[in-house]
Amino acid sequence: SVGLAQSLDQDLDDWLAPEELARLQAAAPQVELAVVFRETPDDGQPAASIELVSHTAEATPLAAAGSSRLLLKVGGTGLVVAAYDRAASEPARDRSGRTRSPIDRRQVRLMVHDQFDGLFQRLDADLDGCLSARETAYSSERLLLADANGDGQIGGDELPYVLTASFLRGEPAAERSFYNPPLQQDAVGGDSAPPSWFRNADFNGDGDISQREFLASPEQFGLLDANRDGFIEPDEAVRPN
């Protein structure tokens, strides 16, 4: 972040020399995370999860998607942090039918990069890596918020600079192009679990029922859509009428 860089730049030349950069090892962390990879995940528990333990005033939590991905803002930089267990999802055989080499579950790699689509991030409110019907419907409003100077266009300086930090377990040794781990959705259980009709009607799996997915009458849709946003959410599906 800018504040951290300024504290390290002792000679104020806007450049971090090797000896100045070495002081980074003694600097207090701006974000403290707890990353967990489970050897044998229980039912409903993701194989990988990440938790924000603490942060400084300069680091602001913005959103979390499930238990495996979160978004922060550190100074003027967006930071997407994700945890993904390739060992839990990698099939035993490759596409040609050959048995894959054993995966080392003891190795976790941290990859940090800026290969991120800032415009897409503006629209992807829940950070799941895809645009739902709800996010598409409200894309105009979100783009208007990004147009800081009101000229009707989104300039490069109006999009955030975003870094992605991915904790990866079980990635093949020769693979170095896995930039954005997919979202691991948390299982929903207990009294808040949506009814079976909701899960069956959610054809695109985005967690909402749009008017196109709803097979009953518009009147019934309106009774369930309590907040009148054009979508039936899981808690609206279980709310007594």
Foldseek 3Di string as FASTA:
>chain_A
DVVVQVVLCPVPPSDHDPVSVVCVVVDDDQWDKDKDADPDDDVLGDRIFMDTDDGDPQKAWDAAAAGFWTWIQRNQEIEIEGEDECLVVPDQADPVRHGDDDFDQVDKDKDKDQPDDQLVPLLCVNPQPDHDPLSVVCSVVSVCVLCVVPPPDRDPVSGGRYMYIYIYGRDDPPDDPPGDDGDDHGDDDDLLAADPVQVVLPVVPPQKHAPVSDPDDPVVVVQLPVVPSRIRHSNSRNDDD
